[in-house]
């Protein structure tokens, strides 16, 4: 399950980055902010998985 969570975090980060970039290119502040939030959520998920891995081993 941890591998799925890590993959999900990477996907969330990529989607967030894409939204953020699209928002900047179009001048859409809402989309930019939404992308930043999504990327931050992906970063947090990835950090959580790394911490879980440290305590597993």
N, C-alpha and C. Protein backbone atom coordinates (compact mmCIF):
# COMPACT_ATOMS: atom_id res chain seq x y z
N UNK A 1 0.82 -1.19 0.00
CA UNK A 1 0.00 0.00 0.00
C UNK A 1 0.86 1.25 0.00
N UNK A 2 2.00 1.19 0.61
CA UNK A 2 2.87 2.36 0.67
C UNK A 2 3.30 2.81 -0.72
N UNK A 3 3.54 1.86 -1.62
CA UNK A 3 3.91 2.21 -2.99
C UNK A 3 2.81 2.96 -3.70
N UNK A 4 1.57 2.55 -3.44
CA UNK A 4 0.42 3.24 -4.03
C UNK A 4 0.32 4.66 -3.49
N UNK A 5 0.57 4.83 -2.20
CA UNK A 5 0.50 6.14 -1.59
C UNK A 5 1.58 7.06 -2.16
N UNK A 6 2.78 6.50 -2.34
CA UNK A 6 3.87 7.30 -2.90
C UNK A 6 3.56 7.73 -4.33
N UNK A 7 3.01 6.81 -5.09
CA UNK A 7 2.64 7.12 -6.47
C UNK A 7 1.55 8.18 -6.49
N UNK A 8 0.59 8.03 -5.61
CA UNK A 8 -0.49 9.02 -5.52
C UNK A 8 0.03 10.40 -5.17
N UNK A 9 1.01 10.45 -4.29
CA UNK A 9 1.61 11.73 -3.91
C UNK A 9 2.31 12.37 -5.10
N UNK A 10 3.04 11.55 -5.87
CA UNK A 10 3.74 12.08 -7.05
C UNK A 10 2.75 12.60 -8.09
N UNK A 11 1.66 11.86 -8.28
CA UNK A 11 0.63 12.28 -9.24
C UNK A 11 0.01 13.60 -8.79
N UNK A 12 -0.28 13.70 -7.50
CA UNK A 12 -0.87 14.92 -6.95
C UNK A 12 0.08 16.11 -7.13
N UNK A 13 1.36 15.88 -6.90
CA UNK A 13 2.35 16.94 -7.09
C UNK A 13 2.40 17.38 -8.55
N UNK A 14 2.39 16.42 -9.45
CA UNK A 14 2.46 16.74 -10.88
C UNK A 14 1.21 17.50 -11.34
N UNK A 15 0.05 17.06 -10.89
CA UNK A 15 -1.19 17.76 -11.25
C UNK A 15 -1.18 19.19 -10.72
N UNK A 16 -0.70 19.35 -9.49
CA UNK A 16 -0.63 20.68 -8.90
C UNK A 16 0.31 21.59 -9.67
N UNK A 17 1.45 21.05 -10.05
CA UNK A 17 2.42 21.84 -10.82
C UNK A 17 1.84 22.25 -12.16
N UNK A 18 1.14 21.32 -12.80
CA UNK A 18 0.51 21.61 -14.08
C UNK A 18 -0.54 22.70 -13.95
N UNK A 19 -1.39 22.60 -12.93
CA UNK A 19 -2.42 23.62 -12.71
C UNK A 19 -1.80 24.97 -12.42
N UNK A 20 -0.77 24.95 -11.59
CA UNK A 20 -0.10 26.20 -11.22
C UNK A 20 0.50 26.87 -12.46
N UNK A 21 1.16 26.10 -13.29
CA UNK A 21 1.77 26.64 -14.51
C UNK A 21 0.69 27.16 -15.47
N UNK A 22 -0.38 26.39 -15.63
CA UNK A 22 -1.47 26.82 -16.51
C UNK A 22 -2.09 28.11 -15.99
N UNK A 23 -2.26 28.21 -14.69
CA UNK A 23 -2.82 29.42 -14.10
C UNK A 23 -1.93 30.63 -14.32
N UNK A 24 -0.63 30.43 -14.20
CA UNK A 24 0.30 31.55 -14.44
C UNK A 24 0.28 31.98 -15.90
N UNK A 25 0.26 31.01 -16.80
CA UNK A 25 0.27 31.34 -18.23
C UNK A 25 -0.99 32.06 -18.68
N UNK A 26 -2.12 31.72 -18.07
CA UNK A 26 -3.39 32.34 -18.46
C UNK A 26 -3.75 33.53 -17.60
N UNK A 27 -2.98 33.76 -16.54
CA UNK A 27 -3.28 34.88 -15.64
C UNK A 27 -4.43 34.58 -14.70
N UNK A 28 -4.73 33.31 -14.51
CA UNK A 28 -5.83 32.88 -13.65
C UNK A 28 -5.29 32.63 -12.24
N UNK A 29 -5.50 33.59 -11.34
CA UNK A 29 -4.96 33.48 -9.98
C UNK A 29 -5.58 32.33 -9.20
N UNK A 30 -6.86 32.07 -9.44
CA UNK A 30 -7.54 30.99 -8.72
C UNK A 30 -6.91 29.64 -9.08
N UNK A 31 -6.66 29.43 -10.36
CA UNK A 31 -6.06 28.18 -10.81
C UNK A 31 -4.63 28.04 -10.29
N UNK A 32 -3.91 29.13 -10.25
CA UNK A 32 -2.55 29.12 -9.72
C UNK A 32 -2.57 28.71 -8.24
N UNK A 33 -3.47 29.31 -7.47
CA UNK A 33 -3.56 29.00 -6.04
C UNK A 33 -4.01 27.56 -5.83
N UNK A 34 -4.94 27.09 -6.64
CA UNK A 34 -5.41 25.72 -6.55
C UNK A 34 -4.26 24.75 -6.82
N UNK A 35 -3.46 25.06 -7.81
CA UNK A 35 -2.31 24.23 -8.14
C UNK A 35 -1.29 24.19 -7.02
N UNK A 36 -1.04 25.34 -6.42
CA UNK A 36 -0.09 25.39 -5.29
C UNK A 36 -0.59 24.54 -4.13
N UNK A 37 -1.88 24.64 -3.84
CA UNK A 37 -2.45 23.87 -2.74
C UNK A 37 -2.36 22.37 -3.02
N UNK A 38 -2.64 21.98 -4.25
CA UNK A 38 -2.59 20.57 -4.61
C UNK A 38 -1.16 20.05 -4.54
N UNK A 39 -0.22 20.85 -4.99
CA UNK A 39 1.18 20.45 -4.93
C UNK A 39 1.64 20.32 -3.47
N UNK A 40 1.20 21.25 -2.62
CA UNK A 40 1.56 21.20 -1.20
C UNK A 40 0.98 19.95 -0.53
N UNK A 41 -0.23 19.59 -0.92
CA UNK A 41 -0.84 18.37 -0.37
C UNK A 41 -0.04 17.14 -0.79
N UNK A 42 0.41 17.13 -2.03
CA UNK A 42 1.25 16.02 -2.51
C UNK A 42 2.58 15.97 -1.78
N UNK A 43 3.16 17.13 -1.52
CA UNK A 43 4.41 17.19 -0.77
C UNK A 43 4.22 16.63 0.64
N UNK A 44 3.11 16.99 1.27
CA UNK A 44 2.83 16.52 2.62
C UNK A 44 2.63 15.00 2.64
N UNK A 45 1.92 14.49 1.65
CA UNK A 45 1.71 13.04 1.56
C UNK A 45 3.04 12.31 1.38
N UNK A 46 3.89 12.88 0.54
CA UNK A 46 5.18 12.24 0.29
C UNK A 46 6.03 12.26 1.57
N UNK A 47 6.01 13.36 2.29
CA UNK A 47 6.78 13.45 3.53
C UNK A 47 6.27 12.42 4.54
N UNK A 48 4.95 12.26 4.62
CA UNK A 48 4.37 11.28 5.54
C UNK A 48 4.84 9.87 5.20
N UNK A 49 4.87 9.56 3.92
CA UNK A 49 5.32 8.23 3.49
C UNK A 49 6.79 8.00 3.81
N UNK A 50 7.59 9.04 3.66
CA UNK A 50 9.02 8.91 3.98
C UNK A 50 9.21 8.64 5.47
N UNK A 51 8.43 9.32 6.30
CA UNK A 51 8.53 9.10 7.74
C UNK A 51 8.11 7.68 8.09
N UNK A 52 7.05 7.20 7.46
CA UNK A 52 6.60 5.83 7.70
C UNK A 52 7.69 4.83 7.30
N UNK A 53 8.37 5.11 6.19
CA UNK A 53 9.45 4.21 5.74
C UNK A 53 10.60 4.17 6.74
N UNK A 54 10.92 5.31 7.34
CA UNK A 54 12.01 5.37 8.30
C UNK A 54 11.70 4.48 9.51
N UNK A 55 10.46 4.50 9.96
CA UNK A 55 10.10 3.71 11.13
C UNK A 55 9.86 2.24 10.82
N UNK A 56 9.69 1.91 9.56
CA UNK A 56 9.52 0.51 9.17
C UNK A 56 10.82 -0.26 9.29
N UNK A 57 11.92 0.38 8.96
CA UNK A 57 13.21 -0.31 8.86
C UNK A 57 13.97 -0.22 10.12
